[in-house]
Amino acid sequence: MTTIVIKPRNKAEENFLSRLLKKMNIETQVVEETAPNLETRKAMKDVELLKGIKVKDSQELFSKLGI
């Protein structure tokens, strides 16, 4: 079996592709991907911008975190 991933841009495209593939007798499986919440997107952006705490080892990390 071969898997092809198609990511439609909107619900209309998803419906169109589903109907088309069904007419062609091609089995489909829709997998929903949830978008990260605001806090997670901010953290991802911070990592991309190299923001954050730099430490030399786990002991220093725990110390900075207050653990």
N, C-alpha and C. Protein backbone atom coordinates (compact mmCIF):
# COMPACT_ATOMS: atom_id res chain seq x y z
N MET A 1 0.84 -1.17 0.00
CA MET A 1 0.00 0.00 0.00
C MET A 1 0.90 1.25 0.00
N THR A 2 0.50 2.23 -0.75
CA THR A 2 1.21 3.50 -0.81
C THR A 2 0.37 4.57 -0.14
N THR A 3 1.03 5.43 0.62
CA THR A 3 0.33 6.54 1.27
C THR A 3 0.77 7.84 0.62
N ILE A 4 -0.22 8.65 0.25
CA ILE A 4 0.04 9.97 -0.32
C ILE A 4 -0.64 10.98 0.59
N VAL A 5 0.11 11.97 1.04
CA VAL A 5 -0.44 12.99 1.93
C VAL A 5 -0.77 14.23 1.10
N ILE A 6 -2.02 14.66 1.19
CA ILE A 6 -2.49 15.86 0.49
C ILE A 6 -3.06 16.79 1.56
N LYS A 7 -2.59 18.03 1.59
CA LYS A 7 -3.06 18.98 2.59
C LYS A 7 -3.87 20.08 1.92
N PRO A 8 -5.20 19.90 1.86
CA PRO A 8 -6.03 20.96 1.27
C PRO A 8 -5.98 22.22 2.11
N ARG A 9 -6.12 23.36 1.43
CA ARG A 9 -6.02 24.65 2.12
C ARG A 9 -7.29 25.04 2.86
N ASN A 10 -8.41 24.43 2.47
CA ASN A 10 -9.67 24.78 3.13
C ASN A 10 -10.65 23.62 3.02
N LYS A 11 -11.80 23.78 3.67
CA LYS A 11 -12.81 22.71 3.72
C LYS A 11 -13.37 22.40 2.33
N ALA A 12 -13.52 23.41 1.48
CA ALA A 12 -14.05 23.20 0.13
C ALA A 12 -13.11 22.29 -0.67
N GLU A 13 -11.81 22.55 -0.58
CA GLU A 13 -10.84 21.69 -1.28
C GLU A 13 -10.88 20.27 -0.73
N GLU A 14 -11.00 20.16 0.59
CA GLU A 14 -11.07 18.83 1.21
C GLU A 14 -12.28 18.06 0.70
N ASN A 15 -13.44 18.73 0.65
CA ASN A 15 -14.67 18.08 0.16
C ASN A 15 -14.52 17.68 -1.30
N PHE A 16 -13.98 18.56 -2.13
CA PHE A 16 -13.78 18.27 -3.54
C PHE A 16 -12.89 17.05 -3.73
N LEU A 17 -11.76 17.04 -3.05
CA LEU A 17 -10.82 15.92 -3.19
C LEU A 17 -11.43 14.62 -2.70
N SER A 18 -12.17 14.67 -1.60
CA SER A 18 -12.82 13.47 -1.08
C SER A 18 -13.80 12.89 -2.08
N ARG A 19 -14.63 13.76 -2.68
CA ARG A 19 -15.61 13.30 -3.67
C ARG A 19 -14.91 12.74 -4.91
N LEU A 20 -13.87 13.43 -5.37
CA LEU A 20 -13.14 12.99 -6.55
C LEU A 20 -12.51 11.62 -6.34
N LEU A 21 -11.83 11.45 -5.22
CA LEU A 21 -11.16 10.18 -4.94
C LEU A 21 -12.18 9.05 -4.73
N LYS A 22 -13.32 9.37 -4.14
CA LYS A 22 -14.36 8.36 -3.96
C LYS A 22 -14.88 7.89 -5.31
N LYS A 23 -15.08 8.83 -6.26
CA LYS A 23 -15.53 8.46 -7.61
C LYS A 23 -14.51 7.57 -8.32
N MET A 24 -13.24 7.77 -7.97
CA MET A 24 -12.17 6.98 -8.58
C MET A 24 -11.92 5.67 -7.82
N ASN A 25 -12.77 5.38 -6.83
CA ASN A 25 -12.65 4.19 -5.99
C ASN A 25 -11.30 4.10 -5.28
N ILE A 26 -10.84 5.25 -4.82
CA ILE A 26 -9.59 5.31 -4.06
C ILE A 26 -9.96 5.54 -2.60
N GLU A 27 -9.47 4.65 -1.74
CA GLU A 27 -9.75 4.74 -0.31
C GLU A 27 -9.08 5.98 0.27
N THR A 28 -9.82 6.72 1.08
CA THR A 28 -9.26 7.92 1.71
C THR A 28 -9.42 7.83 3.22
N GLN A 29 -8.53 8.51 3.90
CA GLN A 29 -8.61 8.61 5.35
C GLN A 29 -8.23 10.05 5.71
N VAL A 30 -9.15 10.77 6.33
CA VAL A 30 -8.90 12.16 6.71
C VAL A 30 -8.30 12.17 8.11
N VAL A 31 -7.16 12.84 8.24
CA VAL A 31 -6.48 12.98 9.53
C VAL A 31 -6.43 14.46 9.86
N GLU A 32 -7.08 14.84 10.94
CA GLU A 32 -7.11 16.24 11.35
C GLU A 32 -5.84 16.59 12.12
N GLU A 33 -5.22 17.69 11.78
CA GLU A 33 -4.06 18.19 12.51
C GLU A 33 -4.49 19.42 13.29
N THR A 34 -4.31 19.38 14.59
CA THR A 34 -4.67 20.54 15.39
C THR A 34 -3.53 21.55 15.37
N ALA A 35 -3.88 22.80 15.39
CA ALA A 35 -2.89 23.87 15.38
C ALA A 35 -2.43 24.13 16.82
N PRO A 36 -1.15 24.45 17.00
CA PRO A 36 -0.67 24.76 18.35
C PRO A 36 -1.36 26.00 18.91
N ASN A 37 -1.55 26.02 20.23
CA ASN A 37 -2.17 27.19 20.84
C ASN A 37 -1.19 28.37 20.87
N LEU A 38 -1.68 29.52 21.31
CA LEU A 38 -0.89 30.75 21.28
C LEU A 38 0.41 30.63 22.08
N GLU A 39 0.32 30.05 23.26
CA GLU A 39 1.52 29.91 24.11
C GLU A 39 2.57 29.04 23.43
N THR A 40 2.14 27.95 22.80
CA THR A 40 3.07 27.05 22.12
C THR A 40 3.69 27.74 20.90
N ARG A 41 2.86 28.49 20.13
CA ARG A 41 3.40 29.20 18.96
C ARG A 41 4.43 30.24 19.37
N LYS A 42 4.19 30.92 20.51
CA LYS A 42 5.15 31.90 21.01
C LYS A 42 6.46 31.20 21.40
N ALA A 43 6.37 30.07 22.07
CA ALA A 43 7.56 29.32 22.46
C ALA A 43 8.34 28.85 21.24
N MET A 44 7.62 28.40 20.21
CA MET A 44 8.28 27.97 18.97
C MET A 44 9.00 29.14 18.30
N LYS A 45 8.37 30.31 18.31
CA LYS A 45 8.98 31.51 17.73
C LYS A 45 10.23 31.91 18.51
N ASP A 46 10.16 31.83 19.84
CA ASP A 46 11.32 32.15 20.68
C ASP A 46 12.50 31.23 20.35
N VAL A 47 12.23 29.95 20.15
CA VAL A 47 13.29 29.00 19.80
C VAL A 47 13.89 29.37 18.44
N GLU A 48 13.05 29.71 17.48
CA GLU A 48 13.54 30.10 16.15
C GLU A 48 14.43 31.34 16.24
N LEU A 49 14.08 32.27 17.14
CA LEU A 49 14.84 33.51 17.30
C LEU A 49 16.00 33.37 18.28
N LEU A 50 16.26 32.14 18.72
CA LEU A 50 17.34 31.82 19.66
C LEU A 50 17.21 32.56 20.99
N LYS A 51 15.97 32.80 21.41
CA LYS A 51 15.73 33.39 22.73
C LYS A 51 15.67 32.26 23.75
N GLY A 52 16.02 32.56 24.96
CA GLY A 52 15.92 31.54 26.00
C GLY A 52 17.15 31.56 26.88
N ILE A 53 17.20 30.57 27.75
CA ILE A 53 18.28 30.46 28.72
C ILE A 53 19.31 29.47 28.18
N LYS A 54 20.59 29.85 28.25
CA LYS A 54 21.66 28.95 27.86
C LYS A 54 22.40 28.54 29.11
N VAL A 55 22.57 27.24 29.27
CA VAL A 55 23.26 26.71 30.44
C VAL A 55 24.29 25.69 30.00
N LYS A 56 25.24 25.42 30.88
CA LYS A 56 26.30 24.48 30.51
C LYS A 56 25.95 23.04 30.89
N ASP A 57 25.06 22.87 31.88
CA ASP A 57 24.69 21.51 32.29
C ASP A 57 23.33 21.52 32.99
N SER A 58 22.85 20.33 33.31
CA SER A 58 21.52 20.21 33.93
C SER A 58 21.48 20.86 35.32
N GLN A 59 22.59 20.79 36.04
CA GLN A 59 22.62 21.39 37.38
C GLN A 59 22.38 22.89 37.30
N GLU A 60 23.01 23.56 36.34
CA GLU A 60 22.82 25.00 36.16
C GLU A 60 21.39 25.30 35.72
N LEU A 61 20.82 24.45 34.87
CA LEU A 61 19.45 24.63 34.40
C LEU A 61 18.48 24.55 35.59
N PHE A 62 18.63 23.51 36.42
CA PHE A 62 17.75 23.35 37.57
C PHE A 62 17.90 24.53 38.52
N SER A 63 19.11 25.03 38.68
CA SER A 63 19.35 26.17 39.55
C SER A 63 18.63 27.41 39.03
N LYS A 64 18.73 27.66 37.73
CA LYS A 64 18.05 28.82 37.14
C LYS A 64 16.53 28.70 37.20
N LEU A 65 16.03 27.47 37.13
CA LEU A 65 14.59 27.23 37.20
C LEU A 65 14.08 27.20 38.64
N GLY A 66 15.01 27.18 39.60
CA GLY A 66 14.60 27.15 41.00
C GLY A 66 14.17 25.80 41.48
N ILE A 67 14.71 24.78 40.86
CA ILE A 67 14.33 23.40 41.22
C ILE A 67 15.41 22.79 42.09
